[in-house]
C-alpha cells in the first residue's frame, strides 16, 4: 500500500487487544522503531513495556535484573 500525500502522519492506533490482554491494561504508549543491520542501541532503560519484532536478521538483547539499577545510574561527567 503506497502512502498518499494527504494521508495524515498521526492516525489513531489500531486495536492493541493482544497487548491489553498481555498487560491487563491498554498500553501507555505505542512506538515503532525502524532500522537495518547497522542499527545499534546503547545501554538504556525503557519506561514502557515492549514487544519487539525482527522482520529479517537478528537482534541481541542483554537484559539486566532490576537489582542492578543502582550500578547503572546515569552519571554526567563535568568536562
Foldseek 3Di string as FASTA:
>chain_A
DDDDPPDDPDDDDPDPVVVCVVVVHDWPDDDDDDDDPPDDDDDDDDPTDDDDDDPDDDDDDDDDDPVCVVVPDDDDDDD
